[in-house]
Amino acid sequence: MVIQIIITSFCILLSLYGLYEKNGVYIKMGYFIYGIVVVISEFNFFYLDPNPEHFAVATLYGIQSLLALPNKSEYDGSKFTKSATIKIYTSLSLINFFGIYIEGVTVVPNFVRYFHLVLAIIPLVFIFLVLRKKTDPSKQK
């Protein structure tokens, strides 16, 4: 469990760094790795206790990992790419708001709720920056 906490802490820091740098690739990379860690953890819980909630949570965070799969495609500023960015980041935010709720009924430590809170707020701030044209979601350094 300690290794999972260290890895997920790194993922949150990576996403925060991406937000600071206004770099969507780092943000998505943090969410991608975080989702993979949760999927592995929940499948382990499911193996020990075949409760369907574990499978559902693993599936949800698998979807998060698919949504956050980092890519290096160019952001051309069109309505389509802006719309896709808003939808992806809104979905990431909703998944993690759900994580705040589900944390209360699972066997993970209580402070994980704060991890999900931070991960739910980061996409909303990034959406704000995209709408204000303060950032390019595919910015590369």
C-alpha atoms as a PDB file:
ATOM      1  CA  MET A   1       0.000   0.000   0.000  1.00  0.00           C
ATOM      2  CA  VAL A   2       2.901   2.373   0.741  1.00  0.00           C
ATOM      3  CA  ILE A   3       4.316   1.974  -2.770  1.00  0.00           C
ATOM      4  CA  GLN A   4       0.902   2.786  -4.252  1.00  0.00           C
ATOM      5  CA  ILE A   5       0.695   5.946  -2.142  1.00  0.00           C
ATOM      6  CA  ILE A   6       4.165   7.040  -3.274  1.00  0.00           C
ATOM      7  CA  ILE A   7       3.339   6.418  -6.946  1.00  0.00           C
ATOM      8  CA  THR A   8      -0.027   8.180  -6.740  1.00  0.00           C
ATOM      9  CA  SER A   9       1.583  11.113  -4.916  1.00  0.00           C
ATOM     10  CA  PHE A  10       4.068  11.376  -7.774  1.00  0.00           C
ATOM     11  CA  CYS A  11       1.171  11.308 -10.257  1.00  0.00           C
ATOM     12  CA  ILE A  12      -0.553  14.166  -8.472  1.00  0.00           C
ATOM     13  CA  LEU A  13       2.672  16.169  -8.396  1.00  0.00           C
ATOM     14  CA  LEU A  14       3.174  15.491 -12.107  1.00  0.00           C
ATOM     15  CA  SER A  15      -0.345  16.733 -12.867  1.00  0.00           C
ATOM     16  CA  LEU A  16       0.162  19.811 -10.687  1.00  0.00           C
ATOM     17  CA  TYR A  17       3.435  20.506 -12.482  1.00  0.00           C
ATOM     18  CA  GLY A  18       1.605  20.197 -15.805  1.00  0.00           C
ATOM     19  CA  LEU A  19      -1.008  22.669 -14.598  1.00  0.00           C
ATOM     20  CA  TYR A  20       1.721  25.063 -13.442  1.00  0.00           C
ATOM     21  CA  GLU A  21       3.481  24.783 -16.802  1.00  0.00           C
ATOM     22  CA  LYS A  22       0.103  24.840 -18.612  1.00  0.00           C
ATOM     23  CA  ASN A  23       1.135  21.592 -20.261  1.00  0.00           C
ATOM     24  CA  GLY A  24      -1.719  19.156 -20.917  1.00  0.00           C
ATOM     25  CA  VAL A  25       0.640  16.278 -21.699  1.00  0.00           C
ATOM     26  CA  TYR A  26       2.024  16.214 -18.135  1.00  0.00           C
ATOM     27  CA  ILE A  27      -1.467  16.523 -16.680  1.00  0.00           C
ATOM     28  CA  LYS A  28      -2.717  13.589 -18.751  1.00  0.00           C
ATOM     29  CA  MET A  29       0.359  11.523 -17.950  1.00  0.00           C
ATOM     30  CA  GLY A  30      -0.330  11.923 -14.224  1.00  0.00           C
ATOM     31  CA  TYR A  31      -3.955  10.852 -14.662  1.00  0.00           C
ATOM     32  CA  PHE A  32      -2.954   7.954 -16.899  1.00  0.00           C
ATOM     33  CA  ILE A  33      -0.492   6.495 -14.377  1.00  0.00           C
ATOM     34  CA  TYR A  34      -2.869   7.180 -11.464  1.00  0.00           C
ATOM     35  CA  GLY A  35      -5.643   5.294 -13.262  1.00  0.00           C
ATOM     36  CA  ILE A  36      -3.375   2.310 -13.931  1.00  0.00           C
ATOM     37  CA  VAL A  37      -2.384   2.159 -10.242  1.00  0.00           C
ATOM     38  CA  VAL A  38      -6.034   2.241  -9.159  1.00  0.00           C
ATOM     39  CA  VAL A  39      -6.984  -0.449 -11.694  1.00  0.00           C
ATOM     40  CA  ILE A  40      -4.238  -2.770 -10.443  1.00  0.00           C
ATOM     41  CA  SER A  41      -5.147  -2.078  -6.816  1.00  0.00           C
ATOM     42  CA  GLU A  42      -8.875  -2.630  -7.335  1.00  0.00           C
ATOM     43  CA  PHE A  43      -8.343  -5.860  -9.253  1.00  0.00           C
ATOM     44  CA  ASN A  44      -6.195  -7.033  -6.356  1.00  0.00           C
ATOM     45  CA  PHE A  45      -9.035  -6.156  -3.945  1.00  0.00           C
ATOM     46  CA  PHE A  46     -11.462  -7.945  -6.283  1.00  0.00           C
ATOM     47  CA  TYR A  47      -9.264 -11.040  -6.246  1.00  0.00           C
ATOM     48  CA  LEU A  48      -9.284 -11.073  -2.426  1.00  0.00           C
ATOM     49  CA  ASP A  49     -12.973 -10.180  -2.077  1.00  0.00           C
ATOM     50  CA  PRO A  50     -15.122 -10.706  -5.201  1.00  0.00           C
ATOM     51  CA  ASN A  51     -17.282  -7.650  -4.524  1.00  0.00           C
ATOM     52  CA  PRO A  52     -18.613  -6.104  -7.759  1.00  0.00           C
ATOM     53  CA  GLU A  53     -17.801  -2.608  -6.457  1.00  0.00           C
ATOM     54  CA  HIS A  54     -14.097  -3.328  -6.886  1.00  0.00           C
ATOM     55  CA  PHE A  55     -14.651  -4.364 -10.486  1.00  0.00           C
ATOM     56  CA  ALA A  56     -16.772  -1.264 -11.171  1.00  0.00           C
ATOM     57  CA  VAL A  57     -14.152   1.077  -9.713  1.00  0.00           C
ATOM     58  CA  ALA A  58     -11.400  -0.670 -11.693  1.00  0.00           C
ATOM     59  CA  THR A  59     -13.428  -0.233 -14.867  1.00  0.00           C
ATOM     60  CA  LEU A  60     -14.065   3.443 -14.142  1.00  0.00           C
ATOM     61  CA  TYR A  61     -10.383   4.184 -13.587  1.00  0.00           C
ATOM     62  CA  GLY A  62      -9.532   2.122 -16.661  1.00  0.00           C
ATOM     63  CA  ILE A  63     -11.726   4.555 -18.573  1.00  0.00           C
ATOM     64  CA  GLN A  64      -9.820   7.415 -16.925  1.00  0.00           C
ATOM     65  CA  SER A  65      -6.554   5.924 -18.150  1.00  0.00           C
ATOM     66  CA  LEU A  66      -7.928   5.622 -21.678  1.00  0.00           C
ATOM     67  CA  LEU A  67      -9.175   9.215 -21.636  1.00  0.00           C
ATOM     68  CA  ALA A  68      -5.865  10.474 -20.301  1.00  0.00           C
ATOM     69  CA  LEU A  69      -3.677   8.447 -22.644  1.00  0.00           C
ATOM     70  CA  PRO A  70      -0.948  10.989 -23.442  1.00  0.00           C
ATOM     71  CA  ASN A  71      -0.627  11.880 -27.078  1.00  0.00           C
ATOM     72  CA  LYS A  72       1.439  14.425 -28.929  1.00  0.00           C
ATOM     73  CA  SER A  73      -1.132  15.491 -31.487  1.00  0.00           C
ATOM     74  CA  GLU A  74      -1.155  19.152 -32.367  1.00  0.00           C
ATOM     75  CA  TYR A  75      -3.818  21.401 -30.917  1.00  0.00           C
ATOM     76  CA  ASP A  76      -5.004  23.587 -33.775  1.00  0.00           C
ATOM     77  CA  GLY A  77      -7.464  25.682 -31.770  1.00  0.00           C
ATOM     78  CA  SER A  78     -10.483  24.508 -33.765  1.00  0.00           C
ATOM     79  CA  LYS A  79     -13.881  24.112 -32.176  1.00  0.00           C
ATOM     80  CA  PHE A  80     -13.581  20.333 -32.448  1.00  0.00           C
ATOM     81  CA  THR A  81     -10.294  20.078 -30.547  1.00  0.00           C
ATOM     82  CA  LYS A  82     -11.408  22.597 -27.943  1.00  0.00           C
ATOM     83  CA  SER A  83     -14.653  20.677 -27.474  1.00  0.00           C
ATOM     84  CA  ALA A  84     -12.799  17.364 -27.164  1.00  0.00           C
ATOM     85  CA  THR A  85     -10.413  18.872 -24.615  1.00  0.00           C
ATOM     86  CA  ILE A  86     -13.293  20.196 -22.527  1.00  0.00           C
ATOM     87  CA  LYS A  87     -15.130  16.853 -22.649  1.00  0.00           C
ATOM     88  CA  ILE A  88     -12.040  14.827 -21.715  1.00  0.00           C
ATOM     89  CA  TYR A  89     -11.081  17.045 -18.799  1.00  0.00           C
ATOM     90  CA  THR A  90     -14.686  17.270 -17.559  1.00  0.00           C
ATOM     91  CA  SER A  91     -14.826  13.464 -17.590  1.00  0.00           C
ATOM     92  CA  LEU A  92     -11.563  13.246 -15.626  1.00  0.00           C
ATOM     93  CA  SER A  93     -12.965  15.669 -13.087  1.00  0.00           C
ATOM     94  CA  LEU A  94     -16.249  13.753 -12.715  1.00  0.00           C
ATOM     95  CA  ILE A  95     -14.438  10.431 -12.291  1.00  0.00           C
ATOM     96  CA  ASN A  96     -12.399  11.855  -9.447  1.00  0.00           C
ATOM     97  CA  PHE A  97     -15.392  13.552  -7.797  1.00  0.00           C
ATOM     98  CA  PHE A  98     -16.910  10.059  -7.831  1.00  0.00           C
ATOM     99  CA  GLY A  99     -13.624   8.820  -6.313  1.00  0.00           C
ATOM    100  CA  ILE A 100     -14.233  11.109  -3.330  1.00  0.00           C
ATOM    101  CA  TYR A 101     -17.580   9.414  -2.760  1.00  0.00           C
ATOM    102  CA  ILE A 102     -16.472   5.829  -3.376  1.00  0.00           C
ATOM    103  CA  GLU A 103     -13.464   6.240  -1.078  1.00  0.00           C
ATOM    104  CA  GLY A 104     -15.858   6.386   1.874  1.00  0.00           C
ATOM    105  CA  VAL A 105     -17.174   2.880   1.196  1.00  0.00           C
ATOM    106  CA  THR A 106     -13.957   1.058   0.272  1.00  0.00           C
ATOM    107  CA  VAL A 107     -10.911  -0.156   2.200  1.00  0.00           C
ATOM    108  CA  VAL A 108      -8.461   2.588   1.162  1.00  0.00           C
ATOM    109  CA  PRO A 109      -7.100   5.093   3.705  1.00  0.00           C
ATOM    110  CA  ASN A 110      -9.134   8.220   4.439  1.00  0.00           C
ATOM    111  CA  PHE A 111      -6.583  10.733   3.143  1.00  0.00           C
ATOM    112  CA  VAL A 112      -7.002   9.345  -0.384  1.00  0.00           C
ATOM    113  CA  ARG A 113     -10.160  11.470  -0.487  1.00  0.00           C
ATOM    114  CA  TYR A 114      -7.892  14.537  -0.684  1.00  0.00           C
ATOM    115  CA  PHE A 115      -5.955  12.994  -3.573  1.00  0.00           C
ATOM    116  CA  HIS A 116      -9.221  12.674  -5.479  1.00  0.00           C
ATOM    117  CA  LEU A 117     -10.237  16.213  -4.551  1.00  0.00           C
ATOM    118  CA  VAL A 118      -7.020  17.607  -6.030  1.00  0.00           C
ATOM    119  CA  LEU A 119      -7.416  15.387  -9.092  1.00  0.00           C
ATOM    120  CA  ALA A 120     -11.000  16.614  -9.495  1.00  0.00           C
ATOM    121  CA  ILE A 121     -10.020  20.289  -9.373  1.00  0.00           C
ATOM    122  CA  ILE A 122      -6.988  20.225 -11.709  1.00  0.00           C
ATOM    123  CA  PRO A 123      -9.048  19.529 -14.875  1.00  0.00           C
ATOM    124  CA  LEU A 124     -11.512  22.285 -14.015  1.00  0.00           C
ATOM    125  CA  VAL A 125      -8.689  24.820 -13.727  1.00  0.00           C
ATOM    126  CA  PHE A 126      -7.196  23.577 -16.996  1.00  0.00           C
ATOM    127  CA  ILE A 127     -10.580  23.896 -18.739  1.00  0.00           C
ATOM    128  CA  PHE A 128     -10.765  27.474 -17.483  1.00  0.00           C
ATOM    129  CA  LEU A 129      -7.301  28.166 -18.916  1.00  0.00           C
ATOM    130  CA  VAL A 130      -8.224  26.612 -22.279  1.00  0.00           C
ATOM    131  CA  LEU A 131     -11.426  28.632 -22.492  1.00  0.00           C
ATOM    132  CA  ARG A 132      -9.538  31.820 -21.626  1.00  0.00           C
ATOM    133  CA  LYS A 133      -6.969  30.913 -24.321  1.00  0.00           C
ATOM    134  CA  LYS A 134      -4.178  30.948 -21.750  1.00  0.00           C
ATOM    135  CA  THR A 135      -2.820  27.548 -22.738  1.00  0.00           C
ATOM    136  CA  ASP A 136      -2.410  25.015 -25.506  1.00  0.00           C
ATOM    137  CA  PRO A 137      -3.528  21.525 -24.326  1.00  0.00           C
ATOM    138  CA  SER A 138      -0.852  19.778 -26.403  1.00  0.00           C
ATOM    139  CA  LYS A 139       1.992  22.137 -25.507  1.00  0.00           C
ATOM    140  CA  GLN A 140       5.377  20.477 -25.845  1.00  0.00           C
ATOM    141  CA  LYS A 141       8.665  21.671 -24.406  1.00  0.00           C
END
